[in-house]
Amino acid sequence: MAVRPLVIVPDAQLRLISNPVAEADRELRLLVDDMFATMYDAPGIGLAAIQIGVPRRVITIDLARKEEAAQPLVLINPEIVWSSEERREMEEGCLSIPEYYETVERPDRIRVQYQDADLKPKILEADGLLATCIQHEVDHLNGVLFIDYLSKLKRDRVLRKFAKQAKLKEPEA
């Protein structure tokens, strides 16, 4: 397991639409292991493969608190097939937008079809934090960031801030 570098806005990779996973091979298992290592190291509760520069439809999630046993969840090729009319506001953050948090409104409950690490089909119904986390990570697979749900003014302000930071980190030629 290796901790991989996170892709940070304004990197254009975050706007890519990720490709489906076709086979459960050694490469997929290594990717999942590295995603968990990276997510736990960050620390975070969810990670999409594109956030470490891999445009594949893979998500890792673990909502366990530090004092609880790990509850790792892997969703391969996830697709939200139903969402409730009821909505919930929840503060979200993102490992690709470090130290920025904002309230986002999303459906409170969802049903997601996905495959496990062996590509066996599964269905999961989720609500609350798990539903929000799954929606957030599935958005990543489709090139959508949580800041896209904010007003244009807030979104532009965040993108300008991170673009400025990225420019400051560039080595001088």
N, C-alpha and C. Protein backbone atom coordinates (compact mmCIF):
# COMPACT_ATOMS: atom_id res chain seq x y z
N MET A 1 0.85 -1.19 0.00
CA MET A 1 0.00 0.00 0.00
C MET A 1 0.89 1.24 0.00
N ALA A 2 0.56 2.14 -0.90
CA ALA A 2 1.33 3.37 -1.00
C ALA A 2 0.39 4.57 -0.90
N VAL A 3 0.84 5.59 -0.19
CA VAL A 3 0.11 6.85 -0.16
C VAL A 3 0.51 7.61 -1.41
N ARG A 4 -0.49 7.93 -2.23
CA ARG A 4 -0.22 8.63 -3.48
C ARG A 4 -0.54 10.12 -3.32
N PRO A 5 0.10 10.95 -4.15
CA PRO A 5 -0.20 12.39 -4.08
C PRO A 5 -1.62 12.68 -4.55
N LEU A 6 -2.26 13.61 -3.88
CA LEU A 6 -3.62 14.02 -4.24
C LEU A 6 -3.60 15.04 -5.37
N VAL A 7 -4.58 14.95 -6.25
CA VAL A 7 -4.77 15.94 -7.31
C VAL A 7 -5.57 17.08 -6.68
N ILE A 8 -5.07 18.30 -6.82
CA ILE A 8 -5.67 19.47 -6.17
C ILE A 8 -6.19 20.43 -7.24
N VAL A 9 -7.36 21.07 -6.97
CA VAL A 9 -7.85 22.09 -7.90
C VAL A 9 -6.78 23.15 -8.04
N PRO A 10 -6.60 23.74 -9.18
CA PRO A 10 -7.44 23.71 -10.38
C PRO A 10 -7.03 22.66 -11.42
N ASP A 11 -6.36 21.58 -11.02
CA ASP A 11 -5.90 20.55 -11.96
C ASP A 11 -7.06 20.05 -12.82
N ALA A 12 -6.89 20.09 -14.13
CA ALA A 12 -7.94 19.73 -15.09
C ALA A 12 -8.33 18.25 -15.01
N GLN A 13 -7.48 17.41 -14.43
CA GLN A 13 -7.83 15.99 -14.29
C GLN A 13 -9.14 15.81 -13.52
N LEU A 14 -9.39 16.72 -12.56
CA LEU A 14 -10.59 16.60 -11.73
C LEU A 14 -11.87 16.79 -12.53
N ARG A 15 -11.77 17.27 -13.75
CA ARG A 15 -12.95 17.47 -14.60
C ARG A 15 -13.14 16.32 -15.60
N LEU A 16 -12.26 15.32 -15.55
CA LEU A 16 -12.39 14.17 -16.45
C LEU A 16 -13.54 13.27 -16.02
N ILE A 17 -14.15 12.61 -17.00
CA ILE A 17 -15.14 11.58 -16.69
C ILE A 17 -14.38 10.26 -16.64
N SER A 18 -14.49 9.57 -15.52
CA SER A 18 -13.72 8.34 -15.30
C SER A 18 -14.27 7.17 -16.10
N ASN A 19 -13.37 6.26 -16.44
CA ASN A 19 -13.71 5.09 -17.25
C ASN A 19 -14.16 3.92 -16.39
N PRO A 20 -15.11 3.12 -16.90
CA PRO A 20 -15.56 1.94 -16.16
C PRO A 20 -14.43 0.93 -15.96
N VAL A 21 -14.55 0.16 -14.90
CA VAL A 21 -13.61 -0.92 -14.61
C VAL A 21 -14.19 -2.19 -15.23
N ALA A 22 -13.37 -2.90 -16.00
CA ALA A 22 -13.85 -4.09 -16.71
C ALA A 22 -13.43 -5.40 -16.05
N GLU A 23 -12.30 -5.39 -15.33
CA GLU A 23 -11.87 -6.65 -14.71
C GLU A 23 -11.26 -6.44 -13.34
N ALA A 24 -11.46 -7.45 -12.50
CA ALA A 24 -10.91 -7.43 -11.15
C ALA A 24 -9.54 -8.09 -11.20
N ASP A 25 -8.53 -7.28 -11.41
CA ASP A 25 -7.18 -7.82 -11.55
C ASP A 25 -6.27 -7.26 -10.45
N ARG A 26 -5.00 -7.62 -10.51
CA ARG A 26 -4.03 -7.18 -9.52
C ARG A 26 -3.92 -5.66 -9.50
N GLU A 27 -3.99 -5.04 -10.67
CA GLU A 27 -3.90 -3.58 -10.78
C GLU A 27 -5.05 -2.90 -10.02
N LEU A 28 -6.26 -3.46 -10.12
CA LEU A 28 -7.40 -2.90 -9.40
C LEU A 28 -7.20 -3.05 -7.90
N ARG A 29 -6.73 -4.20 -7.44
CA ARG A 29 -6.52 -4.41 -6.01
C ARG A 29 -5.46 -3.45 -5.46
N LEU A 30 -4.39 -3.23 -6.23
CA LEU A 30 -3.36 -2.28 -5.81
C LEU A 30 -3.92 -0.86 -5.75
N LEU A 31 -4.73 -0.50 -6.75
CA LEU A 31 -5.35 0.82 -6.76
C LEU A 31 -6.21 1.02 -5.52
N VAL A 32 -7.06 0.04 -5.21
CA VAL A 32 -7.94 0.14 -4.04
C VAL A 32 -7.11 0.25 -2.76
N ASP A 33 -6.07 -0.56 -2.62
CA ASP A 33 -5.21 -0.50 -1.43
C ASP A 33 -4.57 0.88 -1.31
N ASP A 34 -4.05 1.40 -2.42
CA ASP A 34 -3.42 2.72 -2.40
C ASP A 34 -4.44 3.83 -2.09
N MET A 35 -5.66 3.66 -2.60
CA MET A 35 -6.70 4.66 -2.32
C MET A 35 -7.02 4.70 -0.83
N PHE A 36 -7.16 3.52 -0.20
CA PHE A 36 -7.42 3.51 1.24
C PHE A 36 -6.25 4.12 2.01
N ALA A 37 -5.02 3.76 1.64
CA ALA A 37 -3.85 4.31 2.32
C ALA A 37 -3.82 5.83 2.20
N THR A 38 -4.11 6.33 1.01
CA THR A 38 -4.11 7.78 0.76
C THR A 38 -5.22 8.47 1.53
N MET A 39 -6.43 7.86 1.50
CA MET A 39 -7.59 8.44 2.18
C MET A 39 -7.35 8.50 3.69
N TYR A 40 -6.86 7.40 4.27
CA TYR A 40 -6.62 7.38 5.71
C TYR A 40 -5.51 8.36 6.11
N ASP A 41 -4.50 8.49 5.26
CA ASP A 41 -3.38 9.38 5.55
C ASP A 41 -3.79 10.84 5.52
N ALA A 42 -4.77 11.18 4.68
CA ALA A 42 -5.11 12.59 4.42
C ALA A 42 -5.49 13.42 5.66
N PRO A 43 -6.33 13.06 6.56
CA PRO A 43 -7.31 11.97 6.58
C PRO A 43 -8.62 12.43 5.94
N GLY A 44 -9.33 11.45 5.37
CA GLY A 44 -10.63 11.73 4.76
C GLY A 44 -11.56 10.55 4.94
N ILE A 45 -12.82 10.74 4.51
CA ILE A 45 -13.81 9.67 4.65
C ILE A 45 -14.20 9.08 3.29
N GLY A 46 -13.75 9.70 2.21
CA GLY A 46 -14.06 9.19 0.88
C GLY A 46 -13.02 9.64 -0.12
N LEU A 47 -12.83 8.83 -1.15
CA LEU A 47 -11.86 9.16 -2.19
C LEU A 47 -12.28 8.51 -3.50
N ALA A 48 -12.21 9.28 -4.57
CA ALA A 48 -12.44 8.75 -5.92
C ALA A 48 -11.08 8.59 -6.58
N ALA A 49 -10.94 7.57 -7.42
CA ALA A 49 -9.64 7.28 -8.03
C ALA A 49 -9.06 8.48 -8.77
N ILE A 50 -9.91 9.29 -9.38
CA ILE A 50 -9.41 10.45 -10.13
C ILE A 50 -8.67 11.42 -9.21
N GLN A 51 -8.96 11.39 -7.92
CA GLN A 51 -8.30 12.29 -6.98
C GLN A 51 -6.83 11.92 -6.75
N ILE A 52 -6.44 10.73 -7.23
CA ILE A 52 -5.01 10.37 -7.22
C ILE A 52 -4.53 10.20 -8.67
N GLY A 53 -5.28 10.80 -9.60
CA GLY A 53 -4.85 10.83 -10.99
C GLY A 53 -5.17 9.61 -11.82
N VAL A 54 -6.09 8.76 -11.33
CA VAL A 54 -6.47 7.55 -12.05
C VAL A 54 -7.93 7.67 -12.49
N PRO A 55 -8.18 7.86 -13.78
CA PRO A 55 -9.56 8.06 -14.25
C PRO A 55 -10.35 6.76 -14.40
N ARG A 56 -10.53 6.06 -13.28
CA ARG A 56 -11.32 4.82 -13.27
C ARG A 56 -12.45 4.99 -12.27
N ARG A 57 -13.55 4.30 -12.50
CA ARG A 57 -14.76 4.46 -11.68
C ARG A 57 -14.65 3.61 -10.40
N VAL A 58 -13.81 4.10 -9.50
CA VAL A 58 -13.53 3.42 -8.22
C VAL A 58 -13.63 4.45 -7.11
N ILE A 59 -14.34 4.05 -6.03
CA ILE A 59 -14.52 4.90 -4.86
C ILE A 59 -14.18 4.09 -3.61
N THR A 60 -13.50 4.73 -2.67
CA THR A 60 -13.31 4.13 -1.34
C THR A 60 -13.95 5.06 -0.32
N ILE A 61 -14.57 4.44 0.68
CA ILE A 61 -15.26 5.19 1.74
C ILE A 61 -15.03 4.48 3.07
N ASP A 62 -14.85 5.26 4.13
CA ASP A 62 -14.85 4.72 5.49
C ASP A 62 -15.30 5.84 6.43
N LEU A 63 -16.50 5.68 6.97
CA LEU A 63 -17.07 6.70 7.86
C LEU A 63 -16.74 6.48 9.33
N ALA A 64 -15.97 5.42 9.64
CA ALA A 64 -15.64 5.13 11.04
C ALA A 64 -14.83 6.26 11.65
N ARG A 65 -15.16 6.58 12.90
CA ARG A 65 -14.37 7.58 13.64
C ARG A 65 -13.06 6.93 14.07
N LYS A 66 -12.12 7.77 14.51
CA LYS A 66 -10.79 7.28 14.88
C LYS A 66 -10.84 6.18 15.94
N GLU A 67 -11.76 6.31 16.89
CA GLU A 67 -11.83 5.33 17.99
C GLU A 67 -12.59 4.06 17.61
N GLU A 68 -13.16 4.02 16.42
CA GLU A 68 -13.94 2.87 15.96
C GLU A 68 -13.10 2.00 15.03
N ALA A 69 -13.50 0.75 14.91
CA ALA A 69 -12.84 -0.15 13.95
C ALA A 69 -13.15 0.35 12.53
N ALA A 70 -12.19 0.18 11.64
CA ALA A 70 -12.37 0.61 10.25
C ALA A 70 -13.56 -0.12 9.62
N GLN A 71 -14.27 0.58 8.74
CA GLN A 71 -15.41 0.02 8.02
C GLN A 71 -15.25 0.34 6.54
N PRO A 72 -14.19 -0.21 5.91
CA PRO A 72 -13.90 0.14 4.52
C PRO A 72 -15.00 -0.33 3.56
N LEU A 73 -15.34 0.53 2.63
CA LEU A 73 -16.35 0.24 1.61
C LEU A 73 -15.75 0.61 0.26
N VAL A 74 -15.80 -0.32 -0.69
CA VAL A 74 -15.30 -0.08 -2.05
C VAL A 74 -16.49 -0.15 -3.00
N LEU A 75 -16.63 0.86 -3.83
CA LEU A 75 -17.68 0.86 -4.85
C LEU A 75 -17.01 0.98 -6.22
N ILE A 76 -17.19 -0.04 -7.03
CA ILE A 76 -16.65 -0.05 -8.38
C ILE A 76 -17.81 0.19 -9.34
N ASN A 77 -17.62 1.05 -10.30
CA ASN A 77 -18.65 1.40 -11.30
C ASN A 77 -19.99 1.78 -10.65
N PRO A 78 -19.97 2.64 -9.62
CA PRO A 78 -21.22 2.98 -8.95
C PRO A 78 -22.13 3.84 -9.82
N GLU A 79 -23.43 3.59 -9.65
CA GLU A 79 -24.44 4.38 -10.35
C GLU A 79 -25.60 4.61 -9.40
N ILE A 80 -25.92 5.87 -9.16
CA ILE A 80 -27.06 6.21 -8.30
C ILE A 80 -28.32 6.01 -9.14
N VAL A 81 -29.16 5.06 -8.71
CA VAL A 81 -30.33 4.70 -9.50
C VAL A 81 -31.63 5.28 -8.94
N TRP A 82 -31.56 5.83 -7.72
CA TRP A 82 -32.73 6.46 -7.11
C TRP A 82 -32.26 7.43 -6.05
N SER A 83 -32.96 8.53 -5.94
CA SER A 83 -32.71 9.46 -4.84
C SER A 83 -34.04 10.02 -4.34
N SER A 84 -34.08 10.31 -3.06
CA SER A 84 -35.31 10.77 -2.42
C SER A 84 -35.63 12.21 -2.80
N GLU A 85 -36.90 12.54 -2.67
CA GLU A 85 -37.34 13.93 -2.86
C GLU A 85 -36.83 14.78 -1.69
N GLU A 86 -36.80 14.17 -0.48
CA GLU A 86 -36.33 14.91 0.69
C GLU A 86 -34.85 15.23 0.52
N ARG A 87 -34.51 16.43 0.95
CA ARG A 87 -33.13 16.88 0.80
C ARG A 87 -32.54 17.17 2.18
N ARG A 88 -31.23 17.18 2.22
CA ARG A 88 -30.52 17.44 3.47
C ARG A 88 -29.35 18.37 3.16
N GLU A 89 -29.15 19.33 4.03
CA GLU A 89 -27.97 20.19 3.92
C GLU A 89 -26.90 19.62 4.83
N MET A 90 -25.67 19.56 4.31
CA MET A 90 -24.56 19.04 5.10
C MET A 90 -23.29 19.77 4.69
N GLU A 91 -22.45 20.04 5.66
CA GLU A 91 -21.17 20.66 5.34
C GLU A 91 -20.27 19.62 4.68
N GLU A 92 -19.69 20.01 3.55
CA GLU A 92 -18.80 19.12 2.81
C GLU A 92 -17.43 19.76 2.68
N GLY A 93 -16.45 18.88 2.60
CA GLY A 93 -15.09 19.28 2.29
C GLY A 93 -14.59 18.28 1.26
N CYS A 94 -13.38 18.49 0.78
CA CYS A 94 -12.86 17.63 -0.27
C CYS A 94 -11.34 17.59 -0.17
N LEU A 95 -10.77 16.40 -0.27
CA LEU A 95 -9.32 16.27 -0.19
C LEU A 95 -8.64 16.99 -1.36
N SER A 96 -9.36 17.20 -2.45
CA SER A 96 -8.81 17.90 -3.61
C SER A 96 -9.00 19.42 -3.52
N ILE A 97 -9.69 19.86 -2.48
CA ILE A 97 -9.87 21.30 -2.21
C ILE A 97 -9.58 21.48 -0.71
N PRO A 98 -8.30 21.35 -0.34
CA PRO A 98 -7.94 21.28 1.08
C PRO A 98 -8.40 22.48 1.91
N GLU A 99 -8.88 22.15 3.10
CA GLU A 99 -9.24 23.14 4.12
C GLU A 99 -10.32 24.13 3.66
N TYR A 100 -11.18 23.69 2.76
CA TYR A 100 -12.33 24.51 2.36
C TYR A 100 -13.59 23.69 2.59
N TYR A 101 -14.54 24.27 3.30
CA TYR A 101 -15.79 23.58 3.65
C TYR A 101 -16.96 24.50 3.34
N GLU A 102 -18.05 23.90 2.87
CA GLU A 102 -19.24 24.68 2.56
C GLU A 102 -20.45 23.78 2.66
N THR A 103 -21.58 24.35 2.98
CA THR A 103 -22.83 23.60 3.08
C THR A 103 -23.40 23.35 1.68
N VAL A 104 -23.74 22.08 1.42
CA VAL A 104 -24.30 21.67 0.13
C VAL A 104 -25.60 20.92 0.40
N GLU A 105 -26.59 21.15 -0.44
CA GLU A 105 -27.86 20.44 -0.32
C GLU A 105 -27.89 19.31 -1.36
N ARG A 106 -28.23 18.10 -0.87
CA ARG A 106 -28.32 16.92 -1.74
C ARG A 106 -29.51 16.08 -1.29
N PRO A 107 -29.92 15.10 -2.12
CA PRO A 107 -30.95 14.17 -1.66
C PRO A 107 -30.52 13.48 -0.36
N ASP A 108 -31.47 13.29 0.55
CA ASP A 108 -31.18 12.70 1.86
C ASP A 108 -30.91 11.20 1.76
N ARG A 109 -31.61 10.52 0.86
CA ARG A 109 -31.46 9.06 0.72
C ARG A 109 -31.22 8.73 -0.74
N ILE A 110 -30.43 7.67 -0.94
CA ILE A 110 -30.14 7.22 -2.30
C ILE A 110 -30.10 5.69 -2.36
N ARG A 111 -30.19 5.19 -3.57
CA ARG A 111 -29.93 3.77 -3.84
C ARG A 111 -28.85 3.74 -4.91
N VAL A 112 -27.79 2.99 -4.64
CA VAL A 112 -26.67 2.93 -5.58
C VAL A 112 -26.41 1.48 -5.98
N GLN A 113 -26.27 1.26 -7.29
CA GLN A 113 -25.84 -0.04 -7.81
C GLN A 113 -24.34 0.08 -8.04
N TYR A 114 -23.62 -0.95 -7.67
CA TYR A 114 -22.17 -0.93 -7.85
C TYR A 114 -21.66 -2.36 -7.88
N GLN A 115 -20.36 -2.49 -8.03
CA GLN A 115 -19.73 -3.79 -7.94
C GLN A 115 -18.71 -3.73 -6.81
N ASP A 116 -18.51 -4.87 -6.15
CA ASP A 116 -17.50 -4.92 -5.10
C ASP A 116 -16.12 -5.14 -5.76
N ALA A 117 -15.10 -5.35 -4.96
CA ALA A 117 -13.73 -5.49 -5.48
C ALA A 117 -13.56 -6.71 -6.37
N ASP A 118 -14.48 -7.68 -6.28
CA ASP A 118 -14.46 -8.86 -7.16
C ASP A 118 -15.40 -8.69 -8.35
N LEU A 119 -15.95 -7.49 -8.50
CA LEU A 119 -16.91 -7.12 -9.55
C LEU A 119 -18.23 -7.87 -9.44
N LYS A 120 -18.58 -8.27 -8.22
CA LYS A 120 -19.90 -8.86 -7.97
C LYS A 120 -20.89 -7.71 -7.81
N PRO A 121 -22.06 -7.80 -8.49
CA PRO A 121 -23.05 -6.70 -8.39
C PRO A 121 -23.64 -6.58 -6.99
N LYS A 122 -23.83 -5.33 -6.57
CA LYS A 122 -24.39 -5.02 -5.25
C LYS A 122 -25.35 -3.85 -5.39
N ILE A 123 -26.25 -3.75 -4.42
CA ILE A 123 -27.13 -2.59 -4.30
C ILE A 123 -27.07 -2.13 -2.85
N LEU A 124 -26.97 -0.84 -2.65
CA LEU A 124 -26.88 -0.28 -1.30
C LEU A 124 -27.85 0.88 -1.20
N GLU A 125 -28.65 0.90 -0.13
CA GLU A 125 -29.47 2.06 0.17
C GLU A 125 -28.78 2.80 1.30
N ALA A 126 -28.67 4.11 1.14
CA ALA A 126 -27.93 4.91 2.12
C ALA A 126 -28.68 6.18 2.42
N ASP A 127 -28.47 6.69 3.63
CA ASP A 127 -29.02 7.99 4.00
C ASP A 127 -27.98 8.76 4.79
N GLY A 128 -28.30 10.00 5.12
CA GLY A 128 -27.42 10.82 5.94
C GLY A 128 -26.02 10.98 5.36
N LEU A 129 -25.02 10.87 6.23
CA LEU A 129 -23.63 11.09 5.84
C LEU A 129 -23.17 10.14 4.74
N LEU A 130 -23.55 8.86 4.83
CA LEU A 130 -23.14 7.91 3.80
C LEU A 130 -23.71 8.28 2.44
N ALA A 131 -24.97 8.68 2.40
CA ALA A 131 -25.58 9.10 1.13
C ALA A 131 -24.86 10.33 0.57
N THR A 132 -24.55 11.28 1.43
CA THR A 132 -23.84 12.48 0.99
C THR A 132 -22.46 12.12 0.45
N CYS A 133 -21.75 11.27 1.16
CA CYS A 133 -20.40 10.88 0.77
C CYS A 133 -20.41 10.16 -0.59
N ILE A 134 -21.34 9.22 -0.75
CA ILE A 134 -21.43 8.50 -2.03
C ILE A 134 -21.73 9.47 -3.17
N GLN A 135 -22.67 10.37 -2.97
CA GLN A 135 -23.01 11.35 -4.02
C GLN A 135 -21.80 12.22 -4.35
N HIS A 136 -21.08 12.66 -3.34
CA HIS A 136 -19.90 13.50 -3.52
C HIS A 136 -18.85 12.76 -4.37
N GLU A 137 -18.61 11.49 -4.03
CA GLU A 137 -17.58 10.73 -4.74
C GLU A 137 -18.03 10.33 -6.15
N VAL A 138 -19.30 9.98 -6.33
CA VAL A 138 -19.80 9.68 -7.67
C VAL A 138 -19.69 10.93 -8.55
N ASP A 139 -19.96 12.09 -7.97
CA ASP A 139 -19.76 13.34 -8.73
C ASP A 139 -18.33 13.42 -9.26
N HIS A 140 -17.34 13.08 -8.42
CA HIS A 140 -15.94 13.11 -8.87
C HIS A 140 -15.75 12.25 -10.12
N LEU A 141 -16.39 11.10 -10.15
CA LEU A 141 -16.24 10.19 -11.29
C LEU A 141 -16.80 10.81 -12.57
N ASN A 142 -17.67 11.79 -12.40
CA ASN A 142 -18.30 12.47 -13.54
C ASN A 142 -17.74 13.87 -13.77
N GLY A 143 -16.61 14.18 -13.14
CA GLY A 143 -15.97 15.47 -13.35
C GLY A 143 -16.64 16.64 -12.64
N VAL A 144 -17.43 16.33 -11.61
CA VAL A 144 -18.17 17.36 -10.87
C VAL A 144 -17.55 17.50 -9.47
N LEU A 145 -17.37 18.74 -9.03
CA LEU A 145 -16.85 19.01 -7.69
C LEU A 145 -17.96 19.60 -6.81
N PHE A 146 -17.83 19.44 -5.51
CA PHE A 146 -18.88 19.96 -4.62
C PHE A 146 -19.03 21.46 -4.73
N ILE A 147 -17.98 22.16 -5.12
CA ILE A 147 -18.09 23.61 -5.28
C ILE A 147 -18.97 23.99 -6.47
N ASP A 148 -19.26 23.03 -7.34
CA ASP A 148 -20.16 23.30 -8.48
C ASP A 148 -21.59 23.53 -8.00
N TYR A 149 -21.90 23.15 -6.77
CA TYR A 149 -23.24 23.35 -6.21
C TYR A 149 -23.37 24.72 -5.53
N LEU A 150 -22.26 25.46 -5.45
CA LEU A 150 -22.27 26.76 -4.80
C LEU A 150 -22.61 27.85 -5.81
N SER A 151 -22.83 29.04 -5.30
CA SER A 151 -23.07 30.18 -6.19
C SER A 151 -21.82 30.42 -7.04
N LYS A 152 -22.02 31.03 -8.19
CA LYS A 152 -20.89 31.32 -9.08
C LYS A 152 -19.85 32.17 -8.36
N LEU A 153 -20.29 33.12 -7.56
CA LEU A 153 -19.39 34.00 -6.83
C LEU A 153 -18.48 33.20 -5.89
N LYS A 154 -19.06 32.32 -5.07
CA LYS A 154 -18.28 31.51 -4.13
C LYS A 154 -17.34 30.58 -4.88
N ARG A 155 -17.86 29.92 -5.91
CA ARG A 155 -17.06 28.96 -6.69
C ARG A 155 -15.86 29.66 -7.33
N ASP A 156 -16.10 30.80 -7.95
CA ASP A 156 -15.02 31.54 -8.61
C ASP A 156 -13.97 32.00 -7.60
N ARG A 157 -14.41 32.41 -6.42
CA ARG A 157 -13.49 32.85 -5.38
C ARG A 157 -12.57 31.70 -4.96
N VAL A 158 -13.15 30.52 -4.76
CA VAL A 158 -12.36 29.34 -4.36
C VAL A 158 -11.38 28.97 -5.47
N LEU A 159 -11.86 28.93 -6.71
CA LEU A 159 -10.98 28.55 -7.82
C LEU A 159 -9.84 29.55 -8.00
N ARG A 160 -10.12 30.82 -7.84
CA ARG A 160 -9.06 31.84 -7.94
C ARG A 160 -8.01 31.63 -6.85
N LYS A 161 -8.47 31.36 -5.64
CA LYS A 161 -7.55 31.15 -4.51
C LYS A 161 -6.61 29.98 -4.80
N PHE A 162 -7.17 28.86 -5.26
CA PHE A 162 -6.34 27.68 -5.51
C PHE A 162 -5.47 27.84 -6.75
N ALA A 163 -5.95 28.57 -7.76
CA ALA A 163 -5.13 28.85 -8.94
C ALA A 163 -3.92 29.69 -8.54
N LYS A 164 -4.13 30.65 -7.66
CA LYS A 164 -3.04 31.51 -7.18
C LYS A 164 -2.03 30.67 -6.40
N GLN A 165 -2.52 29.78 -5.54
CA GLN A 165 -1.63 28.92 -4.76
C GLN A 165 -0.82 28.00 -5.68
N ALA A 166 -1.47 27.46 -6.71
CA ALA A 166 -0.79 26.57 -7.65
C ALA A 166 0.31 27.33 -8.40
N LYS A 167 0.02 28.56 -8.76
CA LYS A 167 0.99 29.38 -9.48
C LYS A 167 2.21 29.67 -8.60
N LEU A 168 1.97 29.90 -7.32
CA LEU A 168 3.08 30.17 -6.38
C LEU A 168 3.96 28.95 -6.20
N LYS A 169 3.40 27.73 -6.35
CA LYS A 169 4.17 26.49 -6.16
C LYS A 169 4.95 26.10 -7.42
N GLU A 170 4.63 26.70 -8.56
CA GLU A 170 5.33 26.36 -9.81
C GLU A 170 6.79 26.76 -9.71
N PRO A 171 7.68 25.85 -10.15
CA PRO A 171 9.10 26.21 -10.15
C PRO A 171 9.37 27.27 -11.23
N GLU A 172 10.27 28.18 -10.89
CA GLU A 172 10.60 29.24 -11.85
C GLU A 172 11.50 28.66 -12.93
N ALA A 173 11.28 29.12 -14.17
CA ALA A 173 12.06 28.61 -15.30
C ALA A 173 13.36 29.35 -15.46
